[in-house]
Amino acid sequence: MLIDVLRIHVMRLGILLTGLMLLISVASAHRGHGVWTDIVWSGNHFEITHRFHAADGLAANRFVGGSGALTNAEDLARLALYVEQRFAIVDTISNDSDTNQVAELKTLGAEVDDDFVYVYQEWWPLSLPDAALQLQHSVLLDVEPSTQIFVRIDTPKGIEERRL
């Protein structure tokens, strides 16, 4: 009888400790700042998608003078322009000179889906590059310097992943 009572108390104590540890881990969890950029060759051009947390999108939107709401076309356009100014591909294909130039990307727009912001761009080079793409990427770094940038480049030549 005493052993049964002890077992019950030990089980309750174990459940209580497990719950306490779970509560502590949830309370101390912190979402890092990150930008995930996918660059995909689609037949004859690149489709570029930048994804980051909506909270970071709100901060970036406020940084460039927006309302921070991300619920209207103006704020989404500001965010798309923010990304456009901080992301570039160095074009070594489309020019004949020895100097590199920034590729002419077309920004298509931005949207919020669930807890993420997506900004869409595309690039129409003359042909699929032979060499690895050279990128200039500083999205969110001026808003949150600890931002991690992850890039995935998918072409017929293979998939390359970078962490900038």
Protein backbone atom coordinates (compact mmCIF):
# COMPACT_ATOMS: atom_id res chain seq x y z
CA MET A 1 0.00 0.00 0.00
CA LEU A 2 2.79 2.41 0.95
CA ILE A 3 4.68 1.49 -2.22
CA ASP A 4 1.61 2.31 -4.33
CA VAL A 5 1.28 5.72 -2.67
CA LEU A 6 4.99 6.41 -3.27
CA ARG A 7 4.68 5.40 -6.92
CA ILE A 8 1.76 7.80 -7.38
CA HIS A 9 3.71 10.66 -5.78
CA VAL A 10 6.81 9.92 -7.86
CA MET A 11 4.66 9.87 -11.04
CA ARG A 12 3.01 13.16 -10.11
CA LEU A 13 6.40 14.68 -9.34
CA GLY A 14 7.73 13.44 -12.70
CA ILE A 15 4.76 14.93 -14.56
CA LEU A 16 5.14 18.19 -12.66
CA LEU A 17 8.88 18.40 -13.45
CA THR A 18 8.29 17.58 -17.12
CA GLY A 19 5.67 20.32 -17.36
CA LEU A 20 7.95 22.79 -15.62
CA MET A 21 10.83 22.01 -17.98
CA LEU A 22 8.53 22.42 -20.98
CA LEU A 23 7.29 25.75 -19.66
CA ILE A 24 10.84 26.99 -19.12
CA SER A 25 11.93 25.95 -22.61
CA VAL A 26 8.94 27.65 -24.25
CA ALA A 27 9.45 30.81 -22.20
CA SER A 28 13.13 31.02 -23.10
CA ALA A 29 12.68 30.22 -26.82
CA HIS A 30 13.52 33.10 -29.13
CA ARG A 31 12.91 33.20 -32.85
CA GLY A 32 16.00 34.33 -34.72
CA HIS A 33 15.94 36.77 -37.60
CA GLY A 34 16.37 35.25 -41.03
CA VAL A 35 15.82 35.73 -44.73
CA TRP A 36 15.40 32.73 -47.02
CA THR A 37 15.98 33.49 -50.70
CA ASP A 38 15.19 30.95 -53.42
CA ILE A 39 16.56 31.58 -56.91
CA VAL A 40 15.10 29.08 -59.39
CA TRP A 41 15.85 28.76 -63.10
CA SER A 42 12.48 28.44 -64.83
CA GLY A 43 13.01 27.62 -68.50
CA ASN A 44 14.58 30.89 -69.67
CA HIS A 45 14.67 33.12 -66.58
CA PHE A 46 15.18 33.13 -62.84
CA GLU A 47 12.29 33.36 -60.38
CA ILE A 48 13.44 34.86 -57.09
CA THR A 49 11.49 34.59 -53.84
CA HIS A 50 12.56 36.19 -50.57
CA ARG A 51 10.83 34.97 -47.40
CA PHE A 52 11.10 36.32 -43.86
CA HIS A 53 9.00 36.46 -40.72
CA ALA A 54 6.12 38.95 -40.74
CA ALA A 55 7.43 40.55 -37.54
CA ASP A 56 10.68 41.36 -39.35
CA GLY A 57 8.65 42.63 -42.31
CA LEU A 58 6.79 45.00 -39.98
CA ALA A 59 10.08 46.30 -38.60
CA ALA A 60 11.53 46.79 -42.09
CA ASN A 61 8.35 48.52 -43.23
CA ARG A 62 8.53 50.95 -40.31
CA PHE A 63 12.25 51.45 -41.06
CA VAL A 64 11.39 52.78 -44.54
CA GLY A 65 8.56 55.00 -43.30
CA GLY A 66 5.58 52.69 -43.68
CA SER A 67 2.76 52.24 -41.22
CA GLY A 68 4.05 48.79 -40.28
CA ALA A 69 0.65 47.22 -40.83
CA LEU A 70 1.44 45.25 -44.02
CA THR A 71 -2.29 45.06 -44.70
CA ASN A 72 -2.42 47.56 -47.56
CA ALA A 73 -0.87 47.80 -51.01
CA GLU A 74 1.27 50.82 -50.12
CA ASP A 75 3.02 49.12 -47.22
CA LEU A 76 3.60 45.96 -49.26
CA ALA A 77 5.00 48.05 -52.12
CA ARG A 78 7.35 49.82 -49.69
CA LEU A 79 8.55 46.44 -48.47
CA ALA A 80 9.10 45.18 -52.03
CA LEU A 81 11.14 48.31 -52.81
CA TYR A 82 13.09 47.84 -49.57
CA VAL A 83 14.13 44.35 -50.73
CA GLU A 84 14.83 45.60 -54.27
CA GLN A 85 17.35 48.09 -52.87
CA ARG A 86 19.13 45.46 -50.79
CA PHE A 87 19.35 42.49 -53.13
CA ALA A 88 21.22 42.27 -56.42
CA ILE A 89 22.76 39.74 -58.76
CA VAL A 90 26.04 40.76 -60.38
CA ASP A 91 25.58 40.17 -64.10
CA THR A 92 28.71 38.86 -65.78
CA ILE A 93 26.80 37.47 -68.76
CA SER A 94 24.81 40.28 -70.31
CA ASN A 95 27.65 42.74 -70.70
CA ASP A 96 30.62 42.50 -73.05
CA SER A 97 33.02 44.59 -71.00
CA ASP A 98 35.42 43.39 -68.35
CA THR A 99 33.45 45.16 -65.62
CA ASN A 100 30.59 43.57 -63.82
CA GLN A 101 27.25 45.28 -63.57
CA VAL A 102 24.20 44.72 -61.42
CA ALA A 103 21.61 42.60 -63.21
CA GLU A 104 18.33 44.25 -64.03
CA LEU A 105 15.85 42.47 -61.77
CA LYS A 106 12.12 43.01 -62.04
CA THR A 107 10.29 43.27 -58.73
CA LEU A 108 6.83 41.75 -59.03
CA GLY A 109 5.41 42.46 -55.58
CA ALA A 110 5.00 41.27 -52.02
CA GLU A 111 2.41 39.42 -49.97
CA VAL A 112 1.85 38.20 -46.45
CA ASP A 113 0.91 34.57 -45.98
CA ASP A 114 0.41 33.28 -42.46
CA ASP A 115 3.45 34.40 -40.44
CA PHE A 116 5.71 35.14 -43.42
CA VAL A 117 6.26 37.92 -45.93
CA TYR A 118 7.13 36.98 -49.50
CA VAL A 119 8.76 39.33 -51.99
CA TYR A 120 8.91 38.19 -55.62
CA GLN A 121 11.40 39.16 -58.32
CA GLU A 122 12.57 37.78 -61.64
CA TRP A 123 15.62 38.08 -63.87
CA TRP A 124 15.81 37.41 -67.61
CA PRO A 125 19.51 36.93 -68.47
CA LEU A 126 20.62 36.20 -72.04
CA SER A 127 21.38 32.61 -71.04
CA LEU A 128 21.86 30.35 -68.03
CA PRO A 129 25.08 31.44 -66.31
CA ASP A 130 28.07 29.09 -66.52
CA ALA A 131 29.62 30.40 -63.31
CA ALA A 132 28.13 30.62 -59.83
CA LEU A 133 25.91 33.64 -59.30
CA GLN A 134 27.50 36.57 -57.51
CA LEU A 135 25.04 38.09 -55.04
CA GLN A 136 24.77 41.29 -53.05
CA HIS A 137 22.31 40.58 -50.23
CA SER A 138 21.71 42.74 -47.18
CA VAL A 139 17.95 42.37 -46.63
CA LEU A 140 17.07 43.01 -42.95
CA LEU A 141 20.70 43.59 -41.91
CA ASP A 142 20.07 47.31 -41.37
CA VAL A 143 16.95 46.54 -39.30
CA GLU A 144 18.35 43.59 -37.34
CA PRO A 145 22.14 43.11 -37.67
CA SER A 146 22.00 39.51 -36.37
CA THR A 147 19.89 38.43 -39.37
CA GLN A 148 21.01 35.22 -41.03
CA ILE A 149 20.64 35.00 -44.80
CA PHE A 150 20.08 31.64 -46.48
CA VAL A 151 20.16 31.35 -50.28
CA ARG A 152 19.15 28.36 -52.39
CA ILE A 153 19.98 28.44 -56.11
CA ASP A 154 18.28 25.79 -58.24
CA THR A 155 19.37 25.42 -61.88
CA PRO A 156 19.61 22.51 -64.33
CA LYS A 157 23.26 22.30 -63.27
CA GLY A 158 22.27 21.48 -59.70
CA ILE A 159 21.30 22.99 -56.40
CA GLU A 160 23.60 25.27 -54.45
CA GLU A 161 22.91 26.42 -50.90
CA ARG A 162 24.66 29.36 -49.29
CA ARG A 163 24.61 31.01 -45.92
CA LEU A 164 25.64 34.65 -46.10
